[in-house]
Amino acid sequence: MTALIFMLVPWFALAVGGLIAMFRAPSDTFSASTQHLAAGVVFAAAATEVLPDLTHQGSTAAILIGGGLGLATMFGIKQLGKYLKGGWSLIILIAIDILVDGVVLGIGFAAGARQGLLLLVALTLEIFFLGLTAAEELKETLKTPLKVFLGLLLCGLLLPLGSLLGAPVHTLPPFYQGIAFAFALIALLYLVTEELLVEAHEKPDSPFITSMFFVGFLGLLALESAVPAS
């Protein structure tokens, strides 16, 4: 139940990002800076909150199985985007992306409240940026700002659904927990390397923009040291 309540935070971030984009398209500098910041935070969360649990609980087989499932899922979503046609395909892809984020958050909270909260911070930034970019692209399909906003909110409903799918992980034997943690780790690393940073580097770059990755990374490390261990 606690994890479901916390799902309101990224859902709110999704809505705020969408509202900002609908009334004023973000500049390339703002978008690239936000992407680098989110990438740094997500990378730090993967390294400090998911990887330790995986190395402590996961066997070699669990790591390979979970990692393979995570990679297949993320590549599958990417390939799906190539085959789907029409404006509504974007909505489907956004919904799947948000569902996977919810699953990862559910797995994080299953590992512990501290891990879940830090992952929540990381993915809230990523989902905020998703709201920025998705709203801009959905204008062509849904036409009116109200429909775009409602579309994002409906997609956001998949966050708590994904969280429910990931939450039972703590009841599983260690082997299956290892599979879940490996899946979450690969999903997060894919998000950083193949989505956030790839899209960010399509825009003009500068030392300030690049430095935002390290600001995000060090910022989450600082937050982690300030949050008491559960």
C-alpha atoms as a PDB file:
ATOM      1  CA  MET A   1       0.000   0.000   0.000  1.00  0.00           C
ATOM      2  CA  THR A   2       2.852   2.407   0.813  1.00  0.00           C
ATOM      3  CA  ALA A   3       4.408   1.856  -2.602  1.00  0.00           C
ATOM      4  CA  LEU A   4       1.060   2.555  -4.280  1.00  0.00           C
ATOM      5  CA  ILE A   5       0.749   5.855  -2.426  1.00  0.00           C
ATOM      6  CA  PHE A   6       4.246   6.851  -3.504  1.00  0.00           C
ATOM      7  CA  MET A   7       3.235   6.183  -7.127  1.00  0.00           C
ATOM      8  CA  LEU A   8       1.381   9.498  -6.948  1.00  0.00           C
ATOM      9  CA  VAL A   9       4.751  11.306  -6.982  1.00  0.00           C
ATOM     10  CA  PRO A  10       5.934  10.196 -10.453  1.00  0.00           C
ATOM     11  CA  TRP A  11       2.343  10.404 -11.692  1.00  0.00           C
ATOM     12  CA  PHE A  12       2.296  14.059 -10.609  1.00  0.00           C
ATOM     13  CA  ALA A  13       5.695  14.586 -12.288  1.00  0.00           C
ATOM     14  CA  LEU A  14       4.297  13.105 -15.506  1.00  0.00           C
ATOM     15  CA  ALA A  15       1.379  15.529 -15.381  1.00  0.00           C
ATOM     16  CA  VAL A  16       3.614  18.537 -14.645  1.00  0.00           C
ATOM     17  CA  GLY A  17       5.961  17.650 -17.486  1.00  0.00           C
ATOM     18  CA  GLY A  18       3.008  17.335 -19.830  1.00  0.00           C
ATOM     19  CA  LEU A  19       1.535  20.676 -18.777  1.00  0.00           C
ATOM     20  CA  ILE A  20       4.838  22.472 -19.271  1.00  0.00           C
ATOM     21  CA  ALA A  21       5.278  21.042 -22.775  1.00  0.00           C
ATOM     22  CA  MET A  22       1.703  21.824 -23.810  1.00  0.00           C
ATOM     23  CA  PHE A  23       1.987  25.519 -23.053  1.00  0.00           C
ATOM     24  CA  ARG A  24       5.646  26.101 -23.830  1.00  0.00           C
ATOM     25  CA  ALA A  25       7.924  23.696 -25.642  1.00  0.00           C
ATOM     26  CA  PRO A  26      11.170  23.224 -23.677  1.00  0.00           C
ATOM     27  CA  SER A  27      14.391  24.455 -25.261  1.00  0.00           C
ATOM     28  CA  ASP A  28      17.018  21.994 -26.481  1.00  0.00           C
ATOM     29  CA  THR A  29      19.328  23.104 -23.659  1.00  0.00           C
ATOM     30  CA  PHE A  30      16.670  22.468 -21.002  1.00  0.00           C
ATOM     31  CA  SER A  31      15.730  19.086 -22.505  1.00  0.00           C
ATOM     32  CA  ALA A  32      19.320  17.885 -22.836  1.00  0.00           C
ATOM     33  CA  SER A  33      20.207  19.090 -19.328  1.00  0.00           C
ATOM     34  CA  THR A  34      17.179  17.315 -17.854  1.00  0.00           C
ATOM     35  CA  GLN A  35      18.027  14.119 -19.721  1.00  0.00           C
ATOM     36  CA  HIS A  36      21.625  14.148 -18.464  1.00  0.00           C
ATOM     37  CA  LEU A  37      20.460  14.882 -14.913  1.00  0.00           C
ATOM     38  CA  ALA A  38      17.903  12.066 -15.003  1.00  0.00           C
ATOM     39  CA  ALA A  39      20.473   9.687 -16.540  1.00  0.00           C
ATOM     40  CA  GLY A  40      22.945  10.392 -13.743  1.00  0.00           C
ATOM     41  CA  VAL A  41      20.336   9.861 -11.039  1.00  0.00           C
ATOM     42  CA  VAL A  42      19.027   6.633 -12.591  1.00  0.00           C
ATOM     43  CA  PHE A  43      22.567   5.304 -13.083  1.00  0.00           C
ATOM     44  CA  ALA A  44      23.400   6.016  -9.432  1.00  0.00           C
ATOM     45  CA  ALA A  45      20.190   4.308  -8.302  1.00  0.00           C
ATOM     46  CA  ALA A  46      20.995   1.232 -10.383  1.00  0.00           C
ATOM     47  CA  ALA A  47      24.554   1.052  -9.044  1.00  0.00           C
ATOM     48  CA  THR A  48      23.813   1.678  -5.380  1.00  0.00           C
ATOM     49  CA  GLU A  49      20.302   0.316  -4.784  1.00  0.00           C
ATOM     50  CA  VAL A  50      19.798  -2.582  -7.190  1.00  0.00           C
ATOM     51  CA  LEU A  51      23.287  -3.945  -7.871  1.00  0.00           C
ATOM     52  CA  PRO A  52      24.185  -4.638  -4.186  1.00  0.00           C
ATOM     53  CA  ASP A  53      20.963  -6.630  -3.653  1.00  0.00           C
ATOM     54  CA  LEU A  54      21.634  -8.543  -6.852  1.00  0.00           C
ATOM     55  CA  THR A  55      25.209  -9.469  -5.902  1.00  0.00           C
ATOM     56  CA  HIS A  56      24.160 -10.529  -2.383  1.00  0.00           C
ATOM     57  CA  GLN A  57      21.100 -12.575  -3.344  1.00  0.00           C
ATOM     58  CA  GLY A  58      21.443 -13.521  -6.973  1.00  0.00           C
ATOM     59  CA  SER A  59      23.172 -16.657  -8.218  1.00  0.00           C
ATOM     60  CA  THR A  60      24.943 -16.694 -11.567  1.00  0.00           C
ATOM     61  CA  ALA A  61      21.940 -18.392 -13.172  1.00  0.00           C
ATOM     62  CA  ALA A  62      19.525 -15.861 -11.684  1.00  0.00           C
ATOM     63  CA  ILE A  63      21.656 -12.965 -12.922  1.00  0.00           C
ATOM     64  CA  LEU A  64      21.822 -14.358 -16.456  1.00  0.00           C
ATOM     65  CA  ILE A  65      18.117 -15.223 -16.604  1.00  0.00           C
ATOM     66  CA  GLY A  66      16.938 -11.923 -15.143  1.00  0.00           C
ATOM     67  CA  GLY A  67      19.388  -9.899 -17.201  1.00  0.00           C
ATOM     68  CA  GLY A  68      18.353 -11.718 -20.363  1.00  0.00           C
ATOM     69  CA  LEU A  69      14.672 -11.098 -19.631  1.00  0.00           C
ATOM     70  CA  GLY A  70      15.355  -7.421 -18.961  1.00  0.00           C
ATOM     71  CA  LEU A  71      17.307  -6.990 -22.177  1.00  0.00           C
ATOM     72  CA  ALA A  72      14.706  -8.885 -24.210  1.00  0.00           C
ATOM     73  CA  THR A  73      11.942  -6.730 -22.745  1.00  0.00           C
ATOM     74  CA  MET A  74      13.648  -3.429 -23.492  1.00  0.00           C
ATOM     75  CA  PHE A  75      14.687  -4.470 -27.008  1.00  0.00           C
ATOM     76  CA  GLY A  76      11.184  -5.813 -27.554  1.00  0.00           C
ATOM     77  CA  ILE A  77       9.673  -2.448 -26.662  1.00  0.00           C
ATOM     78  CA  LYS A  78      12.079  -0.731 -29.066  1.00  0.00           C
ATOM     79  CA  GLN A  79      11.208  -3.124 -31.893  1.00  0.00           C
ATOM     80  CA  LEU A  80       7.510  -2.720 -31.183  1.00  0.00           C
ATOM     81  CA  GLY A  81       7.896   0.987 -31.804  1.00  0.00           C
ATOM     82  CA  LYS A  82       9.251   0.257 -35.282  1.00  0.00           C
ATOM     83  CA  TYR A  83       6.340  -1.985 -36.253  1.00  0.00           C
ATOM     84  CA  LEU A  84       3.424  -0.013 -34.838  1.00  0.00           C
ATOM     85  CA  LYS A  85       1.995   2.515 -37.242  1.00  0.00           C
ATOM     86  CA  GLY A  86      -0.137   5.585 -36.687  1.00  0.00           C
ATOM     87  CA  GLY A  87      -0.282   8.188 -33.957  1.00  0.00           C
ATOM     88  CA  TRP A  88      -1.758   5.869 -31.370  1.00  0.00           C
ATOM     89  CA  SER A  89       1.357   3.702 -31.462  1.00  0.00           C
ATOM     90  CA  LEU A  90       3.100   6.405 -29.430  1.00  0.00           C
ATOM     91  CA  ILE A  91       0.488   6.162 -26.694  1.00  0.00           C
ATOM     92  CA  ILE A  92       0.948   2.378 -26.553  1.00  0.00           C
ATOM     93  CA  LEU A  93       4.722   2.739 -26.241  1.00  0.00           C
ATOM     94  CA  ILE A  94       4.408   5.403 -23.538  1.00  0.00           C
ATOM     95  CA  ALA A  95       2.029   3.143 -21.627  1.00  0.00           C
ATOM     96  CA  ILE A  96       4.428   0.164 -21.846  1.00  0.00           C
ATOM     97  CA  ASP A  97       7.365   2.344 -20.772  1.00  0.00           C
ATOM     98  CA  ILE A  98       5.439   3.560 -17.730  1.00  0.00           C
ATOM     99  CA  LEU A  99       4.349  -0.001 -16.885  1.00  0.00           C
ATOM    100  CA  VAL A 100       7.987  -1.167 -16.862  1.00  0.00           C
ATOM    101  CA  ASP A 101       8.929   1.806 -14.652  1.00  0.00           C
ATOM    102  CA  GLY A 102       6.178   0.771 -12.255  1.00  0.00           C
ATOM    103  CA  VAL A 103       7.450  -2.813 -12.151  1.00  0.00           C
ATOM    104  CA  VAL A 104      10.982  -1.585 -11.363  1.00  0.00           C
ATOM    105  CA  LEU A 105       9.636   0.643  -8.575  1.00  0.00           C
ATOM    106  CA  GLY A 106       7.629  -2.245  -7.172  1.00  0.00           C
ATOM    107  CA  ILE A 107      10.776  -4.400  -7.126  1.00  0.00           C
ATOM    108  CA  GLY A 108      12.658  -1.543  -5.437  1.00  0.00           C
ATOM    109  CA  PHE A 109      10.115  -1.188  -2.659  1.00  0.00           C
ATOM    110  CA  ALA A 110      10.083  -4.976  -2.280  1.00  0.00           C
ATOM    111  CA  ALA A 111      13.822  -4.761  -1.533  1.00  0.00           C
ATOM    112  CA  GLY A 112      13.181  -2.167   1.204  1.00  0.00           C
ATOM    113  CA  ALA A 113      11.685   1.256   1.845  1.00  0.00           C
ATOM    114  CA  ARG A 114      15.067   2.971   1.454  1.00  0.00           C
ATOM    115  CA  GLN A 115      15.777   1.353  -1.896  1.00  0.00           C
ATOM    116  CA  GLY A 116      12.269   2.083  -3.073  1.00  0.00           C
ATOM    117  CA  LEU A 117      12.434   5.757  -2.116  1.00  0.00           C
ATOM    118  CA  LEU A 118      15.754   6.343  -3.851  1.00  0.00           C
ATOM    119  CA  LEU A 119      14.540   4.581  -6.985  1.00  0.00           C
ATOM    120  CA  LEU A 120      11.414   6.710  -6.740  1.00  0.00           C
ATOM    121  CA  VAL A 121      13.536   9.873  -6.884  1.00  0.00           C
ATOM    122  CA  ALA A 122      15.441   8.576  -9.910  1.00  0.00           C
ATOM    123  CA  LEU A 123      12.443   7.438 -11.924  1.00  0.00           C
ATOM    124  CA  THR A 124      10.386  10.500 -11.027  1.00  0.00           C
ATOM    125  CA  LEU A 125      12.937  12.620 -12.895  1.00  0.00           C
ATOM    126  CA  GLU A 126      12.840  10.240 -15.853  1.00  0.00           C
ATOM    127  CA  ILE A 127       9.033  10.232 -15.917  1.00  0.00           C
ATOM    128  CA  PHE A 128       8.975  14.032 -15.687  1.00  0.00           C
ATOM    129  CA  PHE A 129      11.063  14.163 -18.850  1.00  0.00           C
ATOM    130  CA  LEU A 130       8.814  11.542 -20.440  1.00  0.00           C
ATOM    131  CA  GLY A 131       5.894  13.884 -19.789  1.00  0.00           C
ATOM    132  CA  LEU A 132       7.781  16.734 -21.475  1.00  0.00           C
ATOM    133  CA  THR A 133       8.582  14.814 -24.644  1.00  0.00           C
ATOM    134  CA  ALA A 134       5.385  12.771 -24.859  1.00  0.00           C
ATOM    135  CA  ALA A 135       3.068  15.766 -24.582  1.00  0.00           C
ATOM    136  CA  GLU A 136       4.882  17.506 -27.411  1.00  0.00           C
ATOM    137  CA  GLU A 137       4.565  14.449 -29.661  1.00  0.00           C
ATOM    138  CA  LEU A 138       0.976  13.607 -28.653  1.00  0.00           C
ATOM    139  CA  LYS A 139      -0.268  16.998 -29.852  1.00  0.00           C
ATOM    140  CA  GLU A 140      -0.283  15.684 -33.416  1.00  0.00           C
ATOM    141  CA  THR A 141      -2.431  12.679 -32.459  1.00  0.00           C
ATOM    142  CA  LEU A 142      -4.799  13.939 -29.786  1.00  0.00           C
ATOM    143  CA  LYS A 143      -5.014  17.510 -31.112  1.00  0.00           C
ATOM    144  CA  THR A 144      -6.291  19.353 -28.019  1.00  0.00           C
ATOM    145  CA  PRO A 145      -4.320  20.066 -24.806  1.00  0.00           C
ATOM    146  CA  LEU A 146      -7.097  18.533 -22.687  1.00  0.00           C
ATOM    147  CA  LYS A 147      -6.955  15.228 -24.583  1.00  0.00           C
ATOM    148  CA  VAL A 148      -3.160  15.185 -24.361  1.00  0.00           C
ATOM    149  CA  PHE A 149      -3.287  15.779 -20.611  1.00  0.00           C
ATOM    150  CA  LEU A 150      -5.954  13.119 -20.048  1.00  0.00           C
ATOM    151  CA  GLY A 151      -4.003  10.686 -22.234  1.00  0.00           C
ATOM    152  CA  LEU A 152      -0.906  11.135 -20.094  1.00  0.00           C
ATOM    153  CA  LEU A 153      -2.899  10.700 -16.895  1.00  0.00           C
ATOM    154  CA  LEU A 154      -4.442   7.472 -18.196  1.00  0.00           C
ATOM    155  CA  CYS A 155      -1.004   6.157 -19.165  1.00  0.00           C
ATOM    156  CA  GLY A 156       0.153   7.091 -15.664  1.00  0.00           C
ATOM    157  CA  LEU A 157      -2.369   4.608 -14.229  1.00  0.00           C
ATOM    158  CA  LEU A 158       0.017   1.874 -15.312  1.00  0.00           C
ATOM    159  CA  LEU A 159       2.525   3.013 -12.677  1.00  0.00           C
ATOM    160  CA  PRO A 160       0.564   1.539  -9.743  1.00  0.00           C
ATOM    161  CA  LEU A 161      -0.313  -1.493 -11.871  1.00  0.00           C
ATOM    162  CA  GLY A 162       3.353  -2.127 -12.577  1.00  0.00           C
ATOM    163  CA  SER A 163       4.149  -1.587  -8.916  1.00  0.00           C
ATOM    164  CA  LEU A 164       1.616  -4.278  -7.982  1.00  0.00           C
ATOM    165  CA  LEU A 165       3.337  -6.675 -10.388  1.00  0.00           C
ATOM    166  CA  GLY A 166       6.753  -5.986  -8.841  1.00  0.00           C
ATOM    167  CA  ALA A 167       5.689  -5.828  -5.183  1.00  0.00           C
ATOM    168  CA  PRO A 168       5.416  -9.604  -4.480  1.00  0.00           C
ATOM    169  CA  VAL A 169       9.148 -10.062  -5.161  1.00  0.00           C
ATOM    170  CA  HIS A 170       9.992  -9.978  -1.435  1.00  0.00           C
ATOM    171  CA  THR A 171       7.855 -13.111  -0.900  1.00  0.00           C
ATOM    172  CA  LEU A 172       9.813 -15.141  -3.452  1.00  0.00           C
ATOM    173  CA  PRO A 173      12.798 -17.433  -2.781  1.00  0.00           C
ATOM    174  CA  PRO A 174      16.235 -15.752  -3.150  1.00  0.00           C
ATOM    175  CA  PHE A 175      16.800 -17.265  -6.613  1.00  0.00           C
ATOM    176  CA  TYR A 176      13.697 -15.583  -8.033  1.00  0.00           C
ATOM    177  CA  GLN A 177      14.467 -12.358  -6.192  1.00  0.00           C
ATOM    178  CA  GLY A 178      17.817 -12.396  -7.969  1.00  0.00           C
ATOM    179  CA  ILE A 179      16.044 -12.722 -11.312  1.00  0.00           C
ATOM    180  CA  ALA A 180      13.831  -9.745 -10.462  1.00  0.00           C
ATOM    181  CA  PHE A 181      16.777  -7.571  -9.365  1.00  0.00           C
ATOM    182  CA  ALA A 182      18.738  -8.453 -12.521  1.00  0.00           C
ATOM    183  CA  PHE A 183      15.708  -7.524 -14.630  1.00  0.00           C
ATOM    184  CA  ALA A 184      15.391  -4.178 -12.832  1.00  0.00           C
ATOM    185  CA  LEU A 185      19.125  -3.466 -13.184  1.00  0.00           C
ATOM    186  CA  ILE A 186      19.145  -4.046 -16.948  1.00  0.00           C
ATOM    187  CA  ALA A 187      15.960  -2.035 -17.420  1.00  0.00           C
ATOM    188  CA  LEU A 188      17.513   0.925 -15.598  1.00  0.00           C
ATOM    189  CA  LEU A 189      20.843   0.715 -17.433  1.00  0.00           C
ATOM    190  CA  TYR A 190      19.055   0.449 -20.770  1.00  0.00           C
ATOM    191  CA  LEU A 191      17.047   3.527 -19.885  1.00  0.00           C
ATOM    192  CA  VAL A 192      20.267   5.448 -19.230  1.00  0.00           C
ATOM    193  CA  THR A 193      22.388   4.253 -22.160  1.00  0.00           C
ATOM    194  CA  GLU A 194      19.855   3.709 -24.948  1.00  0.00           C
ATOM    195  CA  GLU A 195      17.178   6.297 -24.213  1.00  0.00           C
ATOM    196  CA  LEU A 196      18.104   9.264 -22.043  1.00  0.00           C
ATOM    197  CA  LEU A 197      21.706   9.777 -23.189  1.00  0.00           C
ATOM    198  CA  VAL A 198      21.078   8.830 -26.825  1.00  0.00           C
ATOM    199  CA  GLU A 199      18.262  11.371 -27.101  1.00  0.00           C
ATOM    200  CA  ALA A 200      20.267  13.979 -25.194  1.00  0.00           C
ATOM    201  CA  HIS A 201      23.212  13.696 -27.595  1.00  0.00           C
ATOM    202  CA  GLU A 202      20.915  14.401 -30.542  1.00  0.00           C
ATOM    203  CA  LYS A 203      20.747  17.982 -29.261  1.00  0.00           C
ATOM    204  CA  PRO A 204      23.509  20.623 -29.041  1.00  0.00           C
ATOM    205  CA  ASP A 205      26.023  19.761 -26.314  1.00  0.00           C
ATOM    206  CA  SER A 206      28.074  21.853 -23.888  1.00  0.00           C
ATOM    207  CA  PRO A 207      30.195  21.304 -20.761  1.00  0.00           C
ATOM    208  CA  PHE A 208      27.272  22.511 -18.631  1.00  0.00           C
ATOM    209  CA  ILE A 209      24.857  19.987 -20.158  1.00  0.00           C
ATOM    210  CA  THR A 210      27.354  17.118 -19.812  1.00  0.00           C
ATOM    211  CA  SER A 211      28.091  18.059 -16.200  1.00  0.00           C
ATOM    212  CA  MET A 212      24.414  17.549 -15.307  1.00  0.00           C
ATOM    213  CA  PHE A 213      24.938  13.789 -15.555  1.00  0.00           C
ATOM    214  CA  PHE A 214      27.502  13.966 -12.752  1.00  0.00           C
ATOM    215  CA  VAL A 215      25.361  16.396 -10.771  1.00  0.00           C
ATOM    216  CA  GLY A 216      22.566  13.830 -10.851  1.00  0.00           C
ATOM    217  CA  PHE A 217      24.902  10.945 -10.038  1.00  0.00           C
ATOM    218  CA  LEU A 218      26.585  12.687  -7.091  1.00  0.00           C
ATOM    219  CA  GLY A 219      23.293  14.172  -5.937  1.00  0.00           C
ATOM    220  CA  LEU A 220      21.700  10.752  -5.495  1.00  0.00           C
ATOM    221  CA  LEU A 221      24.836   9.448  -3.764  1.00  0.00           C
ATOM    222  CA  ALA A 222      24.627  12.387  -1.350  1.00  0.00           C
ATOM    223  CA  LEU A 223      20.924  11.704  -0.779  1.00  0.00           C
ATOM    224  CA  GLU A 224      21.655   8.030  -0.190  1.00  0.00           C
ATOM    225  CA  SER A 225      24.224   8.867   2.485  1.00  0.00           C
ATOM    226  CA  ALA A 226      21.677  11.147   4.186  1.00  0.00           C
ATOM    227  CA  VAL A 227      18.869   8.552   4.235  1.00  0.00           C
ATOM    228  CA  PRO A 228      19.205   6.125   7.169  1.00  0.00           C
ATOM    229  CA  ALA A 229      19.592   2.455   6.255  1.00  0.00           C
ATOM    230  CA  SER A 230      16.417   0.456   6.810  1.00  0.00           C
END
